[in-house]
Amino acid sequence: MTDYDVIVIGGGISGLMSALALSKHGKSVLVLEKNGSVGGNCNSYMVDGFQVDTGPHAITHLKVGPLRRLMDEYFTYVPVFLDYGTYYVRTEKGLTKIPSNIQDFVTFDVLPRKDRLLLSQALTKALTLNAFGMLDVNQSVYDFLPKGLSKDTLDFVDAIAPFLSGKSMKETSVNRVLYGSSFVRDSVSEDIFKDETVENNNSYTAMLSDMLSKYQLTSRLSTLGRLATNKVAYAQAYPRGGLKSFLNSVLYSMPANVSIKTGERVSEIITLNGETTGVATDTDSYTADAVVYSGFVKTLPSLVPLPSDFKENVSRIEQTLSLTIWHGLSEKMKEFDYIGSEVWFKNGAYWAMPISNYDPGIAPKGKQLVGFTFIIDDKKNIESEKKRALEIIINAVPEIENKIEMTHYQVTIPEKAAVTINGYFAGQRSPIANLYLVGTDTDNRSMGVTRAGYSILELLKVMKEDKNL
């Protein structure tokens, strides 16, 4: 008899939500986390009276996406979500709304008029090709762009691309930009929560084919319709109380059949005759009918013998290193008097959020907290990258320099895999029976916590197919 039905390796948000879902299906679950606390990149903590998140976050696809499915089905406690607001671009003239449809592009005077027209034509072409299945999903943004664009326009596109994919426009596909900017919306896995048997006969097959045909036509028309109606921040939000409130909602929803052990580093995934039987830590060992690995898939070969082709594939997983600088300001600044976030793209790019605007309790009374995130070069000296980032912030908002009373740095890998043209995503099944994978390097839809949600729905689907759920 095994110690647990399922062992989850890793107590980040992917591992915790996996444990929650599996436990609600009656499984006894053990979560093993090597660090002293759980949550990973989905967390908040105090610094000199300011509550910082682990990087700025916009939680996406909350209307009908994976987190909505998971929360409706498994959460006992659901956080309060606040409308995300607006995406802006900052220039020397101030803030301008980032264009999200054709009308916005026409009036987007941050870029030259000729470039706006060329980008509008390119967007229309990309959406049309995508709607009819003719878009080359491996074509880069850089190669798809029309020729003759100005440096400012190229810099703007190259600033947006990393915040959608983690990499430059030369490594980001056009397809990714369409999805990341909500022109095309990801689908959610089929209903895994119901166990219904449908007779496979000709009439049912015909009905299904008819439904699929109508759905594809409707989907194509709605996609093209978004040329006029699209909103970048569609169904996006920020949790009241910061990221820790989302983490706490997961932890508070955990039933008694989940055990969480921190400070337990897994040193080996144990197998017998090609099947997973449990794990060993630095101090103990545990048996289970199935193991869910929510750590970095790139590190999986160090824990268990794997076929050479799988090891070669996971070695192709691309990652991004980010630097977030949190500035606690001595007073609220008019430059950050908005709800949402901003992008700066001149001589360096950042993505910034004044998160205390969502909830005043995140900063001391009368003060303000703003997070600035940069994609940095992991081959360069971190201290020099910090210095350069600070210079970019002051260049963008000169008035901030005399208002800073707290500065806090975070260097993280924001997602376990970047969505690049030649990158790799592992999926939920490993080559070893009953060893499953979950997290942001197993599913490339959306980003952050939402991408983790997609991966968990797929995990439940494959475990059900394997009769483990």
Protein backbone atom coordinates (compact mmCIF):
# COMPACT_ATOMS: atom_id res chain seq x y z
CA MET A 1 0.00 0.00 0.00
CA THR A 2 1.35 3.44 -0.97
CA ASP A 3 1.74 6.37 1.40
CA TYR A 4 -0.26 8.71 -0.90
CA ASP A 5 -2.35 8.56 -4.04
CA VAL A 6 -0.36 11.44 -5.59
CA ILE A 7 2.87 13.24 -4.73
CA VAL A 8 3.24 16.74 -6.15
CA ILE A 9 6.84 17.92 -6.47
CA GLY A 10 6.96 21.70 -6.09
CA GLY A 11 4.78 24.08 -4.11
CA GLY A 12 4.50 26.88 -6.63
CA ILE A 13 1.05 27.92 -7.82
CA SER A 14 0.96 25.15 -10.46
CA GLY A 15 1.74 22.47 -7.90
CA LEU A 16 -0.66 23.87 -5.31
CA MET A 17 -3.60 24.17 -7.70
CA SER A 18 -2.87 20.65 -8.98
CA ALA A 19 -2.94 19.34 -5.41
CA LEU A 20 -6.18 21.19 -4.72
CA ALA A 21 -7.92 19.81 -7.81
CA LEU A 22 -6.71 16.23 -7.26
CA SER A 23 -7.69 16.33 -3.60
CA LYS A 24 -11.22 17.41 -4.50
CA HIS A 25 -11.38 14.26 -6.63
CA GLY A 26 -10.76 12.26 -3.46
CA LYS A 27 -7.00 11.76 -3.82
CA SER A 28 -4.66 11.89 -0.85
CA VAL A 29 -1.93 14.30 -1.89
CA LEU A 30 1.53 15.19 -0.57
CA VAL A 31 3.14 18.43 -1.75
CA LEU A 32 6.91 18.67 -1.35
CA GLU A 33 8.50 22.12 -1.59
CA LYS A 34 12.26 22.62 -1.33
CA ASN A 35 12.01 26.21 -0.07
CA GLY A 36 10.77 27.35 3.30
CA SER A 37 7.49 28.70 1.92
CA VAL A 38 5.08 27.92 -0.91
CA GLY A 39 3.71 30.04 -3.73
CA GLY A 40 6.75 30.55 -5.94
CA ASN A 41 6.22 33.54 -8.24
CA CYS A 42 2.63 33.92 -7.03
CA ASN A 43 3.27 35.63 -3.74
CA SER A 44 3.61 38.95 -1.90
CA TYR A 45 5.77 40.09 1.01
CA MET A 46 6.58 43.24 2.97
CA VAL A 47 9.55 45.54 2.32
CA ASP A 48 9.84 48.63 4.53
CA GLY A 49 6.09 48.99 4.91
CA PHE A 50 5.28 48.30 1.24
CA GLN A 51 3.75 45.00 0.08
CA VAL A 52 5.52 43.89 -3.10
CA ASP A 53 4.40 41.08 -5.40
CA THR A 54 6.87 38.70 -7.00
CA GLY A 55 6.85 40.75 -10.16
CA PRO A 56 3.92 42.76 -11.55
CA HIS A 57 1.05 40.51 -12.66
CA ALA A 58 -2.05 40.87 -14.82
CA ILE A 59 -4.30 37.83 -14.42
CA THR A 60 -5.86 37.09 -17.81
CA HIS A 61 -8.85 35.18 -19.27
CA LEU A 62 -10.91 35.49 -16.10
CA LYS A 63 -14.28 35.51 -17.81
CA VAL A 64 -14.35 32.01 -19.31
CA GLY A 65 -10.72 30.90 -19.04
CA PRO A 66 -8.99 28.15 -17.08
CA LEU A 67 -8.85 29.94 -13.74
CA ARG A 68 -12.59 30.55 -13.86
CA ARG A 69 -13.12 26.82 -14.51
CA LEU A 70 -10.79 25.84 -11.67
CA MET A 71 -12.20 28.37 -9.22
CA ASP A 72 -15.79 27.41 -9.96
CA GLU A 73 -15.06 23.72 -9.56
CA TYR A 74 -12.48 23.48 -6.77
CA PHE A 75 -12.01 26.69 -4.78
CA THR A 76 -13.81 27.08 -1.47
CA TYR A 77 -12.59 30.68 -1.22
CA VAL A 78 -12.30 32.95 -4.27
CA PRO A 79 -10.34 36.23 -4.17
CA VAL A 80 -11.93 39.54 -5.09
CA PHE A 81 -10.74 40.59 -8.52
CA LEU A 82 -10.46 44.24 -9.54
CA ASP A 83 -10.81 45.36 -13.14
CA TYR A 84 -7.32 45.53 -14.63
CA GLY A 85 -7.71 48.91 -16.28
CA THR A 86 -5.82 50.11 -19.33
CA TYR A 87 -2.50 49.40 -21.03
CA TYR A 88 -0.57 52.56 -21.84
CA VAL A 89 2.62 53.49 -23.60
CA ARG A 90 4.69 56.26 -22.04
CA THR A 91 6.63 58.75 -24.12
CA GLU A 92 8.17 62.13 -23.36
CA LYS A 93 4.69 63.61 -23.93
CA GLY A 94 3.01 61.41 -21.33
CA LEU A 95 0.68 58.39 -21.54
CA THR A 96 -1.21 57.11 -24.57
CA LYS A 97 -3.48 54.09 -24.67
CA ILE A 98 -1.85 51.13 -26.41
CA PRO A 99 -3.83 50.37 -29.59
CA SER A 100 -5.95 47.22 -29.51
CA ASN A 101 -8.04 47.61 -32.68
CA ILE A 102 -7.90 49.33 -36.05
CA GLN A 103 -9.45 52.58 -34.83
CA ASP A 104 -6.87 52.79 -32.02
CA PHE A 105 -4.03 52.26 -34.49
CA VAL A 106 -5.25 55.06 -36.74
CA THR A 107 -5.16 57.58 -33.86
CA PHE A 108 -1.99 56.25 -32.17
CA ASP A 109 0.17 59.35 -32.72
CA VAL A 110 3.13 57.88 -30.81
CA LEU A 111 4.19 56.40 -34.17
CA PRO A 112 4.44 58.09 -37.60
CA ARG A 113 1.19 58.13 -39.59
CA LYS A 114 2.64 56.06 -42.44
CA ASP A 115 3.73 53.37 -39.98
CA ARG A 116 0.29 53.27 -38.37
CA LEU A 117 -1.30 52.57 -41.73
CA LEU A 118 1.26 49.88 -42.54
CA LEU A 119 0.76 48.20 -39.14
CA SER A 120 -3.03 48.31 -39.56
CA GLN A 121 -2.73 46.58 -42.92
CA ALA A 122 -0.36 43.98 -41.46
CA LEU A 123 -2.72 43.29 -38.56
CA THR A 124 -5.70 42.88 -40.88
CA LYS A 125 -3.69 40.48 -43.05
CA ALA A 126 -2.51 38.44 -40.05
CA LEU A 127 -6.02 38.10 -38.59
CA THR A 128 -7.49 37.13 -41.95
CA LEU A 129 -4.84 34.47 -42.54
CA ASN A 130 -5.27 33.19 -38.99
CA ALA A 131 -9.07 33.02 -39.24
CA PHE A 132 -8.85 30.77 -42.27
CA GLY A 133 -5.97 28.63 -41.03
CA MET A 134 -3.45 30.07 -43.45
CA LEU A 135 -1.11 31.91 -41.06
CA ASP A 136 2.37 30.44 -40.71
CA VAL A 137 2.54 29.92 -36.94
CA ASN A 138 6.34 29.87 -37.09
CA GLN A 139 6.74 33.19 -38.87
CA SER A 140 8.35 35.80 -36.67
CA VAL A 141 6.90 39.21 -36.01
CA TYR A 142 10.04 40.75 -37.46
CA ASP A 143 9.70 38.86 -40.76
CA PHE A 144 5.97 39.60 -40.99
CA LEU A 145 6.31 43.35 -40.47
CA PRO A 146 6.12 45.54 -43.58
CA LYS A 147 9.33 47.06 -44.83
CA GLY A 148 10.25 50.71 -44.36
CA LEU A 149 9.09 51.17 -40.76
CA SER A 150 10.83 53.80 -38.64
CA LYS A 151 13.21 52.99 -35.80
CA ASP A 152 10.63 54.17 -33.25
CA THR A 153 8.06 51.75 -34.61
CA LEU A 154 10.49 48.85 -34.64
CA ASP A 155 11.56 49.70 -31.09
CA PHE A 156 7.91 49.83 -30.01
CA VAL A 157 7.12 46.40 -31.46
CA ASP A 158 10.33 44.99 -30.00
CA ALA A 159 9.30 46.34 -26.57
CA ILE A 160 5.84 44.74 -26.71
CA ALA A 161 7.03 41.32 -27.93
CA PRO A 162 9.00 40.29 -24.80
CA PHE A 163 6.04 40.97 -22.54
CA LEU A 164 3.92 38.62 -24.66
CA SER A 165 6.48 35.89 -25.30
CA GLY A 166 9.57 36.54 -23.19
CA LYS A 167 11.78 37.14 -26.22
CA SER A 168 12.44 39.68 -29.01
CA MET A 169 10.26 40.17 -32.08
CA LYS A 170 12.71 38.03 -34.08
CA GLU A 171 11.94 35.08 -31.78
CA THR A 172 8.22 35.80 -31.28
CA SER A 173 5.64 34.46 -33.72
CA VAL A 174 2.89 36.59 -35.22
CA ASN A 175 0.45 34.00 -33.87
CA ARG A 176 1.65 34.68 -30.33
CA VAL A 177 1.02 38.41 -30.67
CA LEU A 178 -2.53 37.80 -31.90
CA TYR A 179 -3.28 35.61 -28.89
CA GLY A 180 -1.39 37.76 -26.40
CA SER A 181 -3.26 40.90 -27.46
CA SER A 182 -6.69 39.14 -27.33
CA PHE A 183 -7.43 39.36 -31.07
CA VAL A 184 -7.55 35.56 -30.95
CA ARG A 185 -8.66 33.89 -27.74
CA ASP A 186 -7.53 30.54 -26.41
CA SER A 187 -10.02 27.74 -25.94
CA VAL A 188 -10.44 25.89 -22.66
CA SER A 189 -10.14 22.12 -22.46
CA GLU A 190 -13.31 20.14 -23.00
CA ASP A 191 -15.48 19.38 -19.98
CA ILE A 192 -13.35 17.01 -17.94
CA PHE A 193 -15.63 17.25 -14.94
CA LYS A 194 -18.43 15.14 -16.37
CA ASP A 195 -18.31 11.42 -17.11
CA GLU A 196 -20.91 10.93 -19.78
CA THR A 197 -21.01 8.07 -22.27
CA VAL A 198 -22.33 9.05 -25.69
CA GLU A 199 -23.30 6.37 -28.20
CA ASN A 200 -21.01 6.58 -31.19
CA ASN A 201 -23.46 6.36 -34.10
CA ASN A 202 -23.84 8.03 -37.45
CA SER A 203 -26.45 10.54 -36.29
CA TYR A 204 -24.25 11.68 -33.40
CA THR A 205 -21.23 11.97 -35.69
CA ALA A 206 -23.23 14.06 -38.14
CA MET A 207 -24.52 16.30 -35.34
CA LEU A 208 -20.99 16.78 -33.97
CA SER A 209 -19.65 17.61 -37.41
CA ASP A 210 -22.41 20.18 -37.94
CA MET A 211 -21.75 21.78 -34.54
CA LEU A 212 -18.02 21.94 -35.23
CA SER A 213 -18.55 23.53 -38.62
CA LYS A 214 -20.85 26.19 -37.15
CA TYR A 215 -18.41 26.84 -34.30
CA GLN A 216 -15.47 27.29 -36.69
CA LEU A 217 -17.46 29.73 -38.85
CA THR A 218 -18.61 31.71 -35.80
CA SER A 219 -15.07 31.74 -34.41
CA ARG A 220 -13.65 33.06 -37.67
CA LEU A 221 -16.23 35.82 -37.92
CA SER A 222 -15.77 36.85 -34.28
CA THR A 223 -12.00 36.96 -34.74
CA LEU A 224 -12.28 39.27 -37.74
CA GLY A 225 -14.89 41.33 -35.88
CA ARG A 226 -12.34 42.10 -33.19
CA LEU A 227 -10.49 44.29 -35.67
CA ALA A 228 -13.03 46.92 -34.63
CA THR A 229 -13.99 45.86 -31.09
CA ASN A 230 -10.94 44.25 -29.50
CA LYS A 231 -9.72 45.26 -26.04
CA VAL A 232 -6.20 44.30 -24.94
CA ALA A 233 -7.26 44.03 -21.29
CA TYR A 234 -10.28 41.83 -22.08
CA ALA A 235 -11.32 39.84 -18.98
CA GLN A 236 -8.16 40.79 -17.06
CA ALA A 237 -7.90 41.69 -13.40
CA TYR A 238 -5.71 42.19 -10.36
CA PRO A 239 -6.54 40.47 -7.04
CA ARG A 240 -7.47 42.79 -4.19
CA GLY A 241 -4.79 42.49 -1.52
CA GLY A 242 -2.09 41.54 -4.03
CA LEU A 243 -0.91 38.19 -5.34
CA LYS A 244 -0.82 36.67 -1.88
CA SER A 245 -4.63 36.86 -1.78
CA PHE A 246 -4.81 34.51 -4.76
CA LEU A 247 -2.27 32.20 -3.13
CA ASN A 248 -4.20 32.30 0.15
CA SER A 249 -7.45 31.43 -1.61
CA VAL A 250 -5.78 28.25 -2.90
CA LEU A 251 -4.32 27.36 0.50
CA TYR A 252 -7.56 28.08 2.38
CA SER A 253 -9.44 25.86 -0.09
CA MET A 254 -7.21 22.83 0.58
CA PRO A 255 -9.06 19.93 2.25
CA ALA A 256 -7.57 17.74 4.98
CA ASN A 257 -6.39 15.10 2.49
CA VAL A 258 -3.56 17.41 1.35
CA SER A 259 -0.27 17.50 3.25
CA ILE A 260 2.28 20.21 2.47
CA LYS A 261 5.89 19.83 3.56
CA THR A 262 8.31 22.71 3.06
CA GLY A 263 12.09 22.47 3.24
CA GLU A 264 11.88 19.05 1.53
CA ARG A 265 14.08 18.89 -1.55
CA VAL A 266 13.36 15.92 -3.81
CA SER A 267 16.61 14.20 -4.77
CA GLU A 268 15.18 11.32 -6.82
CA ILE A 269 12.00 10.17 -8.51
CA ILE A 270 11.87 6.43 -7.88
CA THR A 271 10.76 4.06 -10.65
CA LEU A 272 10.24 0.32 -10.99
CA ASN A 273 9.77 -1.47 -14.31
CA GLY A 274 9.21 1.80 -16.14
CA GLU A 275 6.64 3.18 -13.68
CA THR A 276 6.89 5.85 -11.01
CA THR A 277 6.53 4.48 -7.49
CA GLY A 278 7.46 7.48 -5.35
CA VAL A 279 10.18 9.97 -4.50
CA ALA A 280 13.18 10.32 -2.24
CA THR A 281 14.12 13.56 -0.49
CA ASP A 282 17.32 14.49 1.29
CA THR A 283 15.88 13.09 4.52
CA ASP A 284 13.08 10.65 3.68
CA SER A 285 11.23 8.70 0.99
CA TYR A 286 7.53 8.46 0.09
CA THR A 287 5.53 6.10 -2.14
CA ALA A 288 2.61 7.03 -4.36
CA ASP A 289 0.47 5.72 -7.21
CA ALA A 290 1.33 8.80 -9.29
CA VAL A 291 3.77 11.70 -9.17
CA VAL A 292 3.12 15.19 -10.55
CA TYR A 293 6.27 17.20 -11.25
CA SER A 294 5.70 20.97 -11.17
CA GLY A 295 9.34 22.04 -11.09
CA PHE A 296 11.37 23.17 -14.09
CA VAL A 297 11.07 20.42 -16.72
CA LYS A 298 14.62 21.29 -17.79
CA THR A 299 15.85 19.89 -14.45
CA LEU A 300 13.80 16.68 -14.60
CA PRO A 301 16.66 14.60 -16.11
CA SER A 302 18.65 15.18 -12.91
CA LEU A 303 15.96 13.38 -10.89
CA VAL A 304 15.09 10.37 -13.03
CA PRO A 305 16.52 8.45 -16.03
CA LEU A 306 14.78 9.57 -19.23
CA PRO A 307 15.00 8.62 -22.93
CA SER A 308 17.58 10.57 -24.87
CA ASP A 309 15.06 12.09 -27.30
CA PHE A 310 13.00 13.50 -24.42
CA LYS A 311 16.12 14.95 -22.79
CA GLU A 312 17.07 16.55 -26.09
CA ASN A 313 13.62 18.09 -26.40
CA VAL A 314 13.54 19.57 -22.90
CA SER A 315 16.99 21.01 -23.46
CA ARG A 316 15.32 23.22 -26.10
CA ILE A 317 13.09 24.90 -23.53
CA GLU A 318 13.90 28.60 -23.68
CA GLN A 319 13.67 30.84 -20.65
CA THR A 320 13.74 34.54 -19.91
CA LEU A 321 15.45 36.32 -17.05
CA SER A 322 13.62 39.33 -15.69
CA LEU A 323 14.51 42.12 -13.31
CA THR A 324 11.76 43.84 -11.35
CA ILE A 325 12.53 47.06 -9.50
CA TRP A 326 9.95 48.08 -6.91
CA HIS A 327 9.97 51.74 -6.03
CA GLY A 328 8.13 52.86 -2.90
CA LEU A 329 7.32 56.54 -3.39
CA SER A 330 7.03 59.12 -0.62
CA GLU A 331 3.85 60.49 -2.22
CA LYS A 332 1.41 59.71 -5.00
CA MET A 333 2.61 61.00 -8.35
CA LYS A 334 0.38 62.38 -11.11
CA GLU A 335 2.50 60.45 -13.59
CA PHE A 336 1.11 57.20 -12.11
CA ASP A 337 -2.45 58.38 -11.57
CA TYR A 338 -4.14 55.55 -13.49
CA ILE A 339 -5.41 51.99 -13.14
CA GLY A 340 -3.54 49.55 -15.37
CA SER A 341 0.04 49.41 -16.60
CA GLU A 342 2.45 51.10 -18.95
CA VAL A 343 5.23 50.30 -21.40
CA TRP A 344 8.26 52.46 -22.10
CA PHE A 345 10.25 51.69 -25.29
CA LYS A 346 12.79 54.46 -25.91
CA ASN A 347 16.42 53.35 -25.47
CA GLY A 348 15.32 50.38 -23.38
CA ALA A 349 11.98 48.89 -22.44
CA TYR A 350 10.05 48.26 -19.24
CA TRP A 351 6.56 47.16 -18.19
CA ALA A 352 5.33 48.98 -15.09
CA MET A 353 2.32 48.80 -12.73
CA PRO A 354 1.40 51.17 -9.87
CA ILE A 355 -0.19 48.32 -7.89
CA SER A 356 -1.09 50.42 -4.84
CA ASN A 357 -3.65 52.17 -7.07
CA TYR A 358 -5.73 48.97 -6.95
CA ASP A 359 -5.58 48.66 -3.17
CA PRO A 360 -4.30 51.54 -0.99
CA GLY A 361 -3.36 49.07 1.75
CA ILE A 362 -0.45 47.85 -0.39
CA ALA A 363 1.47 51.07 0.42
CA PRO A 364 1.58 53.21 3.57
CA LYS A 365 -1.05 55.95 3.67
CA GLY A 366 -0.40 58.73 1.16
CA LYS A 367 2.41 56.79 -0.53
CA GLN A 368 2.61 54.78 -3.74
CA LEU A 369 4.19 51.52 -4.93
CA VAL A 370 5.21 50.98 -8.55
CA GLY A 371 6.88 47.91 -10.03
CA PHE A 372 9.06 48.15 -13.17
CA THR A 373 9.94 44.92 -14.98
CA PHE A 374 12.77 44.53 -17.50
CA ILE A 375 13.90 41.63 -19.64
CA ILE A 376 17.62 41.34 -18.95
CA ASP A 377 20.53 39.54 -20.54
CA ASP A 378 21.58 36.61 -18.36
CA LYS A 379 25.08 36.82 -19.85
CA LYS A 380 25.62 40.33 -18.51
CA ASN A 381 26.55 41.42 -15.01
CA ILE A 382 23.39 41.71 -12.89
CA GLU A 383 24.61 44.84 -11.11
CA SER A 384 25.24 46.61 -14.40
CA GLU A 385 21.77 45.57 -15.58
CA LYS A 386 20.25 47.06 -12.41
CA LYS A 387 22.11 50.32 -12.97
CA ARG A 388 20.96 50.49 -16.59
CA ALA A 389 17.36 49.77 -15.56
CA LEU A 390 17.38 52.58 -13.01
CA GLU A 391 18.65 54.97 -15.67
CA ILE A 392 15.81 53.96 -17.99
CA ILE A 393 13.21 54.61 -15.27
CA ILE A 394 14.59 58.07 -14.49
CA ASN A 395 14.85 58.89 -18.19
CA ALA A 396 11.18 57.91 -18.62
CA VAL A 397 9.91 59.64 -15.46
CA PRO A 398 12.50 62.22 -14.31
CA GLU A 399 10.26 63.43 -11.47
CA ILE A 400 10.43 60.03 -9.75
CA GLU A 401 14.04 60.39 -8.63
CA ASN A 402 13.31 62.63 -5.65
CA LYS A 403 10.23 60.65 -4.57
CA ILE A 404 11.89 57.23 -4.09
CA GLU A 405 12.13 56.14 -0.44
CA MET A 406 12.28 52.35 -1.00
CA THR A 407 13.94 50.33 -3.75
CA HIS A 408 13.71 46.56 -3.92
CA TYR A 409 15.13 44.28 -6.63
CA GLN A 410 13.84 40.88 -7.80
CA VAL A 411 15.66 38.74 -10.36
CA THR A 412 13.45 35.88 -11.49
CA ILE A 413 12.54 33.52 -14.30
CA PRO A 414 8.93 34.75 -14.63
CA GLU A 415 7.74 31.70 -16.55
CA LYS A 416 9.40 28.32 -16.86
CA ALA A 417 9.39 28.53 -20.66
CA ALA A 418 9.33 31.43 -23.09
CA VAL A 419 6.90 31.16 -26.02
CA THR A 420 9.41 31.34 -28.86
CA ILE A 421 9.24 30.06 -32.41
CA ASN A 422 11.72 27.24 -31.87
CA GLY A 423 11.09 26.68 -28.17
CA TYR A 424 9.70 23.50 -26.64
CA PHE A 425 6.78 22.78 -24.32
CA ALA A 426 6.73 19.38 -22.70
CA GLY A 427 3.02 18.62 -22.33
CA GLN A 428 1.57 16.77 -19.35
CA ARG A 429 2.79 13.21 -19.98
CA SER A 430 6.38 12.21 -19.32
CA PRO A 431 7.96 9.10 -20.91
CA ILE A 432 7.55 7.31 -17.56
CA ALA A 433 4.20 5.84 -16.61
CA ASN A 434 2.33 7.70 -13.86
CA LEU A 435 4.83 10.59 -13.88
CA TYR A 436 3.03 13.73 -15.00
CA LEU A 437 4.19 17.28 -15.70
CA VAL A 438 2.44 20.56 -14.94
CA GLY A 439 3.36 24.24 -15.06
CA THR A 440 4.21 27.04 -17.44
CA ASP A 441 6.67 24.92 -19.40
CA THR A 442 4.01 22.33 -20.28
CA ASP A 443 1.40 24.57 -21.97
CA ASN A 444 2.05 27.68 -24.05
CA ARG A 445 -1.38 29.32 -23.88
CA SER A 446 -1.69 32.75 -22.26
CA MET A 447 0.85 33.63 -19.55
CA GLY A 448 1.61 33.47 -15.84
CA VAL A 449 -1.01 32.11 -13.46
CA THR A 450 -3.47 31.68 -16.32
CA ARG A 451 -1.03 29.52 -18.26
CA ALA A 452 -0.56 27.44 -15.12
CA GLY A 453 -4.35 27.04 -15.07
CA TYR A 454 -4.39 25.73 -18.62
CA SER A 455 -1.70 23.19 -17.73
CA ILE A 456 -3.71 21.93 -14.73
CA LEU A 457 -6.83 21.37 -16.83
CA GLU A 458 -4.71 19.37 -19.29
CA LEU A 459 -3.17 17.42 -16.40
CA LEU A 460 -6.62 16.42 -15.14
CA LYS A 461 -7.61 15.44 -18.66
CA VAL A 462 -4.66 13.09 -19.25
CA MET A 463 -4.86 11.58 -15.76
CA LYS A 464 -8.52 10.82 -16.43
CA GLU A 465 -7.61 9.24 -19.77
CA ASP A 466 -5.01 7.10 -17.97
CA LYS A 467 -7.63 5.97 -15.41
CA ASN A 468 -5.71 7.76 -12.63
CA LEU A 469 -8.55 10.14 -11.92
